[in-house]
């Protein structure tokens, strides 16, 4: 059996507009938006073991000049 409790919360017009703009489709309720955002925050806000070393490797590549701009790549590829 599923029980539904209803609680009213007050949010500013700006916050409500932000939530409305986060809807994936017109039928999505603000509660669904809030739940989706909370779930993504709880599950996606972490770094796996490889991420810090991958980030450092990227920074090292930039410092060592081992990166190319889009403009450089287009020129090399003749685009």
PDB file of N, CA and C in Angstrom:
ATOM      1  N   UNK A   1       0.834  -1.166   0.000  1.00  0.00           N
ATOM      2  CA  UNK A   1       0.000   0.000   0.000  1.00  0.00           C
ATOM      3  C   UNK A   1       0.888   1.242   0.000  1.00  0.00           C
ATOM      4  N   UNK A   2       0.547   2.212  -0.808  1.00  0.00           N
ATOM      5  CA  UNK A   2       1.328   3.436  -0.917  1.00  0.00           C
ATOM      6  C   UNK A   2       0.543   4.566  -0.263  1.00  0.00           C
ATOM      7  N   UNK A   3       1.189   5.246   0.645  1.00  0.00           N
ATOM      8  CA  UNK A   3       0.579   6.394   1.296  1.00  0.00           C
ATOM      9  C   UNK A   3       1.187   7.659   0.727  1.00  0.00           C
ATOM     10  N   UNK A   4       0.355   8.613   0.433  1.00  0.00           N
ATOM     11  CA  UNK A   4       0.840   9.883  -0.076  1.00  0.00           C
ATOM     12  C   UNK A   4       0.529  10.968   0.939  1.00  0.00           C
ATOM     13  N   UNK A   5       1.553  11.636   1.375  1.00  0.00           N
ATOM     14  CA  UNK A   5       1.363  12.780   2.249  1.00  0.00           C
ATOM     15  C   UNK A   5       1.585  14.026   1.417  1.00  0.00           C
ATOM     16  N   UNK A   6       0.889  15.035   1.741  1.00  0.00           N
ATOM     17  CA  UNK A   6       1.038  16.280   1.011  1.00  0.00           C
ATOM     18  C   UNK A   6       1.563  17.342   1.958  1.00  0.00           C
ATOM     19  N   UNK A   7       2.622  18.000   1.545  1.00  0.00           N
ATOM     20  CA  UNK A   7       3.201  19.095   2.312  1.00  0.00           C
ATOM     21  C   UNK A   7       3.408  20.263   1.372  1.00  0.00           C
ATOM     22  N   UNK A   8       3.044  21.412   1.817  1.00  0.00           N
ATOM     23  CA  UNK A   8       3.237  22.614   1.017  1.00  0.00           C
ATOM     24  C   UNK A   8       4.559  23.251   1.418  1.00  0.00           C
ATOM     25  N   UNK A   9       5.339  23.629   0.417  1.00  0.00           N
ATOM     26  CA  UNK A   9       6.570  24.367   0.690  1.00  0.00           C
ATOM     27  C   UNK A   9       6.493  25.694  -0.048  1.00  0.00           C
ATOM     28  N   UNK A  10       7.107  26.690   0.536  1.00  0.00           N
ATOM     29  CA  UNK A  10       7.139  27.999  -0.108  1.00  0.00           C
ATOM     30  C   UNK A  10       8.484  28.172  -0.789  1.00  0.00           C
ATOM     31  N   UNK A  11       8.441  28.551  -2.051  1.00  0.00           N
ATOM     32  CA  UNK A  11       9.649  28.851  -2.804  1.00  0.00           C
ATOM     33  C   UNK A  11       9.440  30.179  -3.512  1.00  0.00           C
ATOM     34  N   UNK A  12      10.516  30.838  -3.799  1.00  0.00           N
ATOM     35  CA  UNK A  12      10.418  32.109  -4.512  1.00  0.00           C
ATOM     36  C   UNK A  12       9.980  31.863  -5.949  1.00  0.00           C
ATOM     37  N   UNK A  13       9.504  32.895  -6.580  1.00  0.00           N
ATOM     38  CA  UNK A  13       9.121  32.798  -7.994  1.00  0.00           C
ATOM     39  C   UNK A  13      10.316  32.382  -8.831  1.00  0.00           C
ATOM     40  N   UNK A  14      11.482  32.880  -8.470  1.00  0.00           N
ATOM     41  CA  UNK A  14      12.701  32.545  -9.208  1.00  0.00           C
ATOM     42  C   UNK A  14      13.000  31.050  -9.098  1.00  0.00           C
ATOM     43  N   UNK A  15      12.868  30.495  -7.896  1.00  0.00           N
ATOM     44  CA  UNK A  15      13.115  29.067  -7.702  1.00  0.00           C
ATOM     45  C   UNK A  15      12.092  28.239  -8.464  1.00  0.00           C
ATOM     46  N   UNK A  16      10.833  28.649  -8.420  1.00  0.00           N
ATOM     47  CA  UNK A  16       9.794  27.926  -9.154  1.00  0.00           C
ATOM     48  C   UNK A  16      10.092  27.960 -10.650  1.00  0.00           C
ATOM     49  N   UNK A  17      10.476  29.124 -11.167  1.00  0.00           N
ATOM     50  CA  UNK A  17      10.810  29.237 -12.590  1.00  0.00           C
ATOM     51  C   UNK A  17      11.974  28.317 -12.947  1.00  0.00           C
ATOM     52  N   UNK A  18      12.967  28.250 -12.059  1.00  0.00           N
ATOM     53  CA  UNK A  18      14.119  27.381 -12.289  1.00  0.00           C
ATOM     54  C   UNK A  18      13.674  25.930 -12.358  1.00  0.00           C
ATOM     55  N   UNK A  19      12.802  25.524 -11.436  1.00  0.00           N
ATOM     56  CA  UNK A  19      12.298  24.151 -11.446  1.00  0.00           C
ATOM     57  C   UNK A  19      11.486  23.868 -12.704  1.00  0.00           C
ATOM     58  N   UNK A  20      10.644  24.794 -13.085  1.00  0.00           N
ATOM     59  CA  UNK A  20       9.835  24.621 -14.294  1.00  0.00           C
ATOM     60  C   UNK A  20      10.744  24.462 -15.513  1.00  0.00           C
ATOM     61  N   UNK A  21      11.821  25.234 -15.560  1.00  0.00           N
ATOM     62  CA  UNK A  21      12.754  25.152 -16.690  1.00  0.00           C
ATOM     63  C   UNK A  21      13.543  23.841 -16.712  1.00  0.00           C
ATOM     64  N   UNK A  22      13.543  23.115 -15.591  1.00  0.00           N
ATOM     65  CA  UNK A  22      14.239  21.829 -15.519  1.00  0.00           C
ATOM     66  C   UNK A  22      13.369  20.660 -15.957  1.00  0.00           C
ATOM     67  N   UNK A  23      12.105  20.921 -16.249  1.00  0.00           N
ATOM     68  CA  UNK A  23      11.209  19.845 -16.668  1.00  0.00           C
ATOM     69  C   UNK A  23      11.710  19.210 -17.960  1.00  0.00           C
ATOM     70  N   UNK A  24      11.644  17.885 -18.015  1.00  0.00           N
ATOM     71  CA  UNK A  24      12.040  17.161 -19.219  1.00  0.00           C
ATOM     72  C   UNK A  24      10.908  17.120 -20.235  1.00  0.00           C
ATOM     73  N   UNK A  25       9.671  17.257 -19.750  1.00  0.00           N
ATOM     74  CA  UNK A  25       8.494  17.295 -20.617  1.00  0.00           C
ATOM     75  C   UNK A  25       7.369  17.979 -19.860  1.00  0.00           C
ATOM     76  N   UNK A  26       6.354  18.413 -20.593  1.00  0.00           N
ATOM     77  CA  UNK A  26       5.265  19.174 -19.977  1.00  0.00           C
ATOM     78  C   UNK A  26       4.524  18.401 -18.901  1.00  0.00           C
ATOM     79  N   UNK A  27       4.463  17.093 -18.991  1.00  0.00           N
ATOM     80  CA  UNK A  27       3.738  16.292 -18.016  1.00  0.00           C
ATOM     81  C   UNK A  27       4.489  16.044 -16.724  1.00  0.00           C
ATOM     82  N   UNK A  28       5.763  16.400 -16.679  1.00  0.00           N
ATOM     83  CA  UNK A  28       6.551  16.173 -15.470  1.00  0.00           C
ATOM     84  C   UNK A  28       6.137  17.170 -14.399  1.00  0.00           C
ATOM     85  N   UNK A  29       5.828  16.661 -13.215  1.00  0.00           N
ATOM     86  CA  UNK A  29       5.422  17.541 -12.122  1.00  0.00           C
ATOM     87  C   UNK A  29       6.657  18.140 -11.457  1.00  0.00           C
ATOM     88  N   UNK A  30       6.442  19.204 -10.699  1.00  0.00           N
ATOM     89  CA  UNK A  30       7.566  19.817  -9.980  1.00  0.00           C
ATOM     90  C   UNK A  30       8.130  18.848  -8.952  1.00  0.00           C
ATOM     91  N   UNK A  31       7.273  18.019  -8.351  1.00  0.00           N
ATOM     92  CA  UNK A  31       7.771  17.011  -7.414  1.00  0.00           C
ATOM     93  C   UNK A  31       8.696  16.032  -8.120  1.00  0.00           C
ATOM     94  N   UNK A  32       8.322  15.617  -9.322  1.00  0.00           N
ATOM     95  CA  UNK A  32       9.178  14.706 -10.089  1.00  0.00           C
ATOM     96  C   UNK A  32      10.501  15.370 -10.446  1.00  0.00           C
ATOM     97  N   UNK A  33      10.449  16.660 -10.789  1.00  0.00           N
ATOM     98  CA  UNK A  33      11.680  17.397 -11.088  1.00  0.00           C
ATOM     99  C   UNK A  33      12.583  17.403  -9.861  1.00  0.00           C
ATOM    100  N   UNK A  34      12.016  17.746  -8.713  1.00  0.00           N
ATOM    101  CA  UNK A  34      12.800  17.809  -7.474  1.00  0.00           C
ATOM    102  C   UNK A  34      13.391  16.443  -7.153  1.00  0.00           C
ATOM    103  N   UNK A  35      12.576  15.395  -7.245  1.00  0.00           N
ATOM    104  CA  UNK A  35      13.082  14.048  -6.956  1.00  0.00           C
ATOM    105  C   UNK A  35      14.190  13.641  -7.909  1.00  0.00           C
ATOM    106  N   UNK A  36      14.031  13.962  -9.204  1.00  0.00           N
ATOM    107  CA  UNK A  36      15.062  13.621 -10.192  1.00  0.00           C
ATOM    108  C   UNK A  36      16.359  14.351  -9.894  1.00  0.00           C
ATOM    109  N   UNK A  37      16.254  15.642  -9.568  1.00  0.00           N
ATOM    110  CA  UNK A  37      17.451  16.424  -9.271  1.00  0.00           C
ATOM    111  C   UNK A  37      18.127  15.932  -8.002  1.00  0.00           C
ATOM    112  N   UNK A  38      17.336  15.607  -6.986  1.00  0.00           N
ATOM    113  CA  UNK A  38      17.914  15.076  -5.749  1.00  0.00           C
ATOM    114  C   UNK A  38      18.610  13.744  -5.994  1.00  0.00           C
ATOM    115  N   UNK A  39      17.966  12.874  -6.755  1.00  0.00           N
ATOM    116  CA  UNK A  39      18.557  11.565  -7.052  1.00  0.00           C
ATOM    117  C   UNK A  39      19.864  11.717  -7.813  1.00  0.00           C
ATOM    118  N   UNK A  40      19.873  12.605  -8.805  1.00  0.00           N
ATOM    119  CA  UNK A  40      21.107  12.784  -9.579  1.00  0.00           C
ATOM    120  C   UNK A  40      22.206  13.377  -8.716  1.00  0.00           C
ATOM    121  N   UNK A  41      21.854  14.242  -7.798  1.00  0.00           N
ATOM    122  CA  UNK A  41      22.854  14.835  -6.902  1.00  0.00           C
ATOM    123  C   UNK A  41      23.452  13.770  -5.997  1.00  0.00           C
ATOM    124  N   UNK A  42      22.604  12.876  -5.511  1.00  0.00           N
ATOM    125  CA  UNK A  42      23.073  11.845  -4.589  1.00  0.00           C
ATOM    126  C   UNK A  42      23.885  10.767  -5.293  1.00  0.00           C
ATOM    127  N   UNK A  43      23.563  10.470  -6.549  1.00  0.00           N
ATOM    128  CA  UNK A  43      24.246   9.375  -7.235  1.00  0.00           C
ATOM    129  C   UNK A  43      25.381   9.826  -8.140  1.00  0.00           C
ATOM    130  N   UNK A  44      25.313  11.052  -8.654  1.00  0.00           N
ATOM    131  CA  UNK A  44      26.301  11.494  -9.629  1.00  0.00           C
ATOM    132  C   UNK A  44      27.390  12.385  -9.044  1.00  0.00           C
ATOM    133  N   UNK A  45      27.261  12.776  -7.805  1.00  0.00           N
ATOM    134  CA  UNK A  45      28.200  13.733  -7.236  1.00  0.00           C
ATOM    135  C   UNK A  45      29.352  13.009  -6.534  1.00  0.00           C
ATOM    136  N   UNK A  46      30.106  12.271  -7.299  1.00  0.00           N
ATOM    137  CA  UNK A  46      31.256  11.580  -6.751  1.00  0.00           C
ATOM    138  C   UNK A  46      32.321  11.441  -7.826  1.00  0.00           C
ATOM    139  N   UNK A  47      33.515  11.181  -7.398  1.00  0.00           N
ATOM    140  CA  UNK A  47      34.610  10.926  -8.330  1.00  0.00           C
ATOM    141  C   UNK A  47      35.034   9.484  -8.148  1.00  0.00           C
ATOM    142  N   UNK A  48      35.093   8.738  -9.251  1.00  0.00           N
ATOM    143  CA  UNK A  48      35.588   7.376  -9.116  1.00  0.00           C
ATOM    144  C   UNK A  48      37.102   7.425  -8.921  1.00  0.00           C
ATOM    145  N   UNK A  49      37.695   6.291  -8.698  1.00  0.00           N
ATOM    146  CA  UNK A  49      39.124   6.234  -8.372  1.00  0.00           C
ATOM    147  C   UNK A  49      40.012   6.776  -9.482  1.00  0.00           C
ATOM    148  N   UNK A  50      39.571   6.677 -10.722  1.00  0.00           N
ATOM    149  CA  UNK A  50      40.405   7.081 -11.856  1.00  0.00           C
ATOM    150  C   UNK A  50      40.281   8.563 -12.191  1.00  0.00           C
ATOM    151  N   UNK A  51      39.197   9.201 -11.803  1.00  0.00           N
ATOM    152  CA  UNK A  51      38.933  10.578 -12.221  1.00  0.00           C
ATOM    153  C   UNK A  51      40.021  11.562 -11.800  1.00  0.00           C
ATOM    154  N   UNK A  52      40.462  11.575 -10.539  1.00  0.00           N
ATOM    155  CA  UNK A  52      41.504  12.557 -10.185  1.00  0.00           C
ATOM    156  C   UNK A  52      42.788  12.402 -11.004  1.00  0.00           C
ATOM    157  N   UNK A  53      43.215  11.164 -11.256  1.00  0.00           N
ATOM    158  CA  UNK A  53      44.439  10.977 -12.049  1.00  0.00           C
ATOM    159  C   UNK A  53      44.196  11.352 -13.510  1.00  0.00           C
ATOM    160  N   UNK A  54      42.989  11.077 -14.034  1.00  0.00           N
ATOM    161  CA  UNK A  54      42.656  11.491 -15.401  1.00  0.00           C
ATOM    162  C   UNK A  54      42.668  13.009 -15.521  1.00  0.00           C
ATOM    163  N   UNK A  55      42.143  13.682 -14.510  1.00  0.00           N
ATOM    164  CA  UNK A  55      42.133  15.143 -14.520  1.00  0.00           C
ATOM    165  C   UNK A  55      43.561  15.687 -14.480  1.00  0.00           C
ATOM    166  N   UNK A  56      44.391  15.098 -13.646  1.00  0.00           N
ATOM    167  CA  UNK A  56      45.780  15.550 -13.559  1.00  0.00           C
ATOM    168  C   UNK A  56      46.511  15.302 -14.865  1.00  0.00           C
ATOM    169  N   UNK A  57      46.241  14.176 -15.501  1.00  0.00           N
ATOM    170  CA  UNK A  57      46.861  13.874 -16.792  1.00  0.00           C
ATOM    171  C   UNK A  57      46.467  14.923 -17.828  1.00  0.00           C
ATOM    172  N   UNK A  58      45.209  15.329 -17.829  1.00  0.00           N
ATOM    173  CA  UNK A  58      44.750  16.365 -18.751  1.00  0.00           C
ATOM    174  C   UNK A  58      45.445  17.691 -18.493  1.00  0.00           C
ATOM    175  N   UNK A  59      45.574  18.052 -17.227  1.00  0.00           N
ATOM    176  CA  UNK A  59      46.271  19.298 -16.885  1.00  0.00           C
ATOM    177  C   UNK A  59      47.736  19.239 -17.294  1.00  0.00           C
ATOM    178  N   UNK A  60      48.352  18.092 -17.076  1.00  0.00           N
ATOM    179  CA  UNK A  60      49.759  17.920 -17.481  1.00  0.00           C
ATOM    180  C   UNK A  60      49.908  18.049 -18.994  1.00  0.00           C
ATOM    181  N   UNK A  61      48.954  17.486 -19.754  1.00  0.00           N
ATOM    182  CA  UNK A  61      48.983  17.595 -21.214  1.00  0.00           C
ATOM    183  C   UNK A  61      48.885  19.059 -21.646  1.00  0.00           C
ATOM    184  N   UNK A  62      48.011  19.804 -21.006  1.00  0.00           N
ATOM    185  CA  UNK A  62      47.863  21.230 -21.338  1.00  0.00           C
ATOM    186  C   UNK A  62      49.163  21.977 -21.052  1.00  0.00           C
ATOM    187  N   UNK A  63      49.727  21.748 -19.874  1.00  0.00           N
ATOM    188  CA  UNK A  63      50.967  22.441 -19.489  1.00  0.00           C
ATOM    189  C   UNK A  63      52.128  22.087 -20.414  1.00  0.00           C
ATOM    190  N   UNK A  64      52.144  20.841 -20.901  1.00  0.00           N
ATOM    191  CA  UNK A  64      53.241  20.387 -21.760  1.00  0.00           C
ATOM    192  C   UNK A  64      52.987  20.703 -23.234  1.00  0.00           C
ATOM    193  N   UNK A  65      51.853  21.312 -23.533  1.00  0.00           N
ATOM    194  CA  UNK A  65      51.562  21.665 -24.920  1.00  0.00           C
ATOM    195  C   UNK A  65      51.136  20.490 -25.776  1.00  0.00           C
ATOM    196  N   UNK A  66      50.651  19.423 -25.167  1.00  0.00           N
ATOM    197  CA  UNK A  66      50.225  18.242 -25.916  1.00  0.00           C
ATOM    198  C   UNK A  66      48.737  18.292 -26.254  1.00  0.00           C
ATOM    199  N   UNK A  67      48.251  19.473 -26.509  1.00  0.00           N
ATOM    200  CA  UNK A  67      46.854  19.647 -26.897  1.00  0.00           C
ATOM    201  C   UNK A  67      46.802  20.509 -28.149  1.00  0.00           C
ATOM    202  N   UNK A  68      45.706  20.429 -28.873  1.00  0.00           N
ATOM    203  CA  UNK A  68      45.531  21.214 -30.086  1.00  0.00           C
ATOM    204  C   UNK A  68      44.194  21.932 -30.014  1.00  0.00           C
ATOM    205  N   UNK A  69      44.154  23.128 -30.517  1.00  0.00           N
ATOM    206  CA  UNK A  69      42.895  23.860 -30.583  1.00  0.00           C
ATOM    207  C   UNK A  69      42.062  23.312 -31.734  1.00  0.00           C
ATOM    208  N   UNK A  70      40.783  23.615 -31.706  1.00  0.00           N
ATOM    209  CA  UNK A  70      39.903  23.212 -32.804  1.00  0.00           C
ATOM    210  C   UNK A  70      40.392  23.818 -34.106  1.00  0.00           C
ATOM    211  N   UNK A  71      40.843  25.062 -34.042  1.00  0.00           N
ATOM    212  CA  UNK A  71      41.350  25.744 -35.237  1.00  0.00           C
ATOM    213  C   UNK A  71      42.551  24.988 -35.811  1.00  0.00           C
ATOM    214  N   UNK A  72      43.465  24.548 -34.934  1.00  0.00           N
ATOM    215  CA  UNK A  72      44.631  23.802 -35.391  1.00  0.00           C
ATOM    216  C   UNK A  72      44.226  22.476 -36.036  1.00  0.00           C
ATOM    217  N   UNK A  73      43.288  21.779 -35.412  1.00  0.00           N
ATOM    218  CA  UNK A  73      42.844  20.502 -35.956  1.00  0.00           C
ATOM    219  C   UNK A  73      42.167  20.666 -37.306  1.00  0.00           C
ATOM    220  N   UNK A  74      41.348  21.695 -37.441  1.00  0.00           N
ATOM    221  CA  UNK A  74      40.683  21.948 -38.726  1.00  0.00           C
ATOM    222  C   UNK A  74      41.719  22.202 -39.806  1.00  0.00           C
ATOM    223  N   UNK A  75      42.762  22.954 -39.476  1.00  0.00           N
ATOM    224  CA  UNK A  75      43.794  23.265 -40.448  1.00  0.00           C
ATOM    225  C   UNK A  75      44.535  21.984 -40.850  1.00  0.00           C
ATOM    226  N   UNK A  76      44.882  21.152 -39.860  1.00  0.00           N
ATOM    227  CA  UNK A  76      45.565  19.885 -40.146  1.00  0.00           C
ATOM    228  C   UNK A  76      44.711  18.946 -40.984  1.00  0.00           C
ATOM    229  N   UNK A  77      43.407  18.971 -40.774  1.00  0.00           N
ATOM    230  CA  UNK A  77      42.506  18.083 -41.501  1.00  0.00           C
ATOM    231  C   UNK A  77      41.992  18.684 -42.791  1.00  0.00           C
ATOM    232  N   UNK A  78      42.379  19.938 -43.068  1.00  0.00           N
ATOM    233  CA  UNK A  78      41.975  20.607 -44.289  1.00  0.00           C
ATOM    234  C   UNK A  78      40.504  20.984 -44.310  1.00  0.00           C
ATOM    235  N   UNK A  79      39.982  21.301 -43.159  1.00  0.00           N
ATOM    236  CA  UNK A  79      38.561  21.682 -43.084  1.00  0.00           C
ATOM    237  C   UNK A  79      38.390  23.180 -43.031  1.00  0.00           C
TER     238      UNK A  79
END
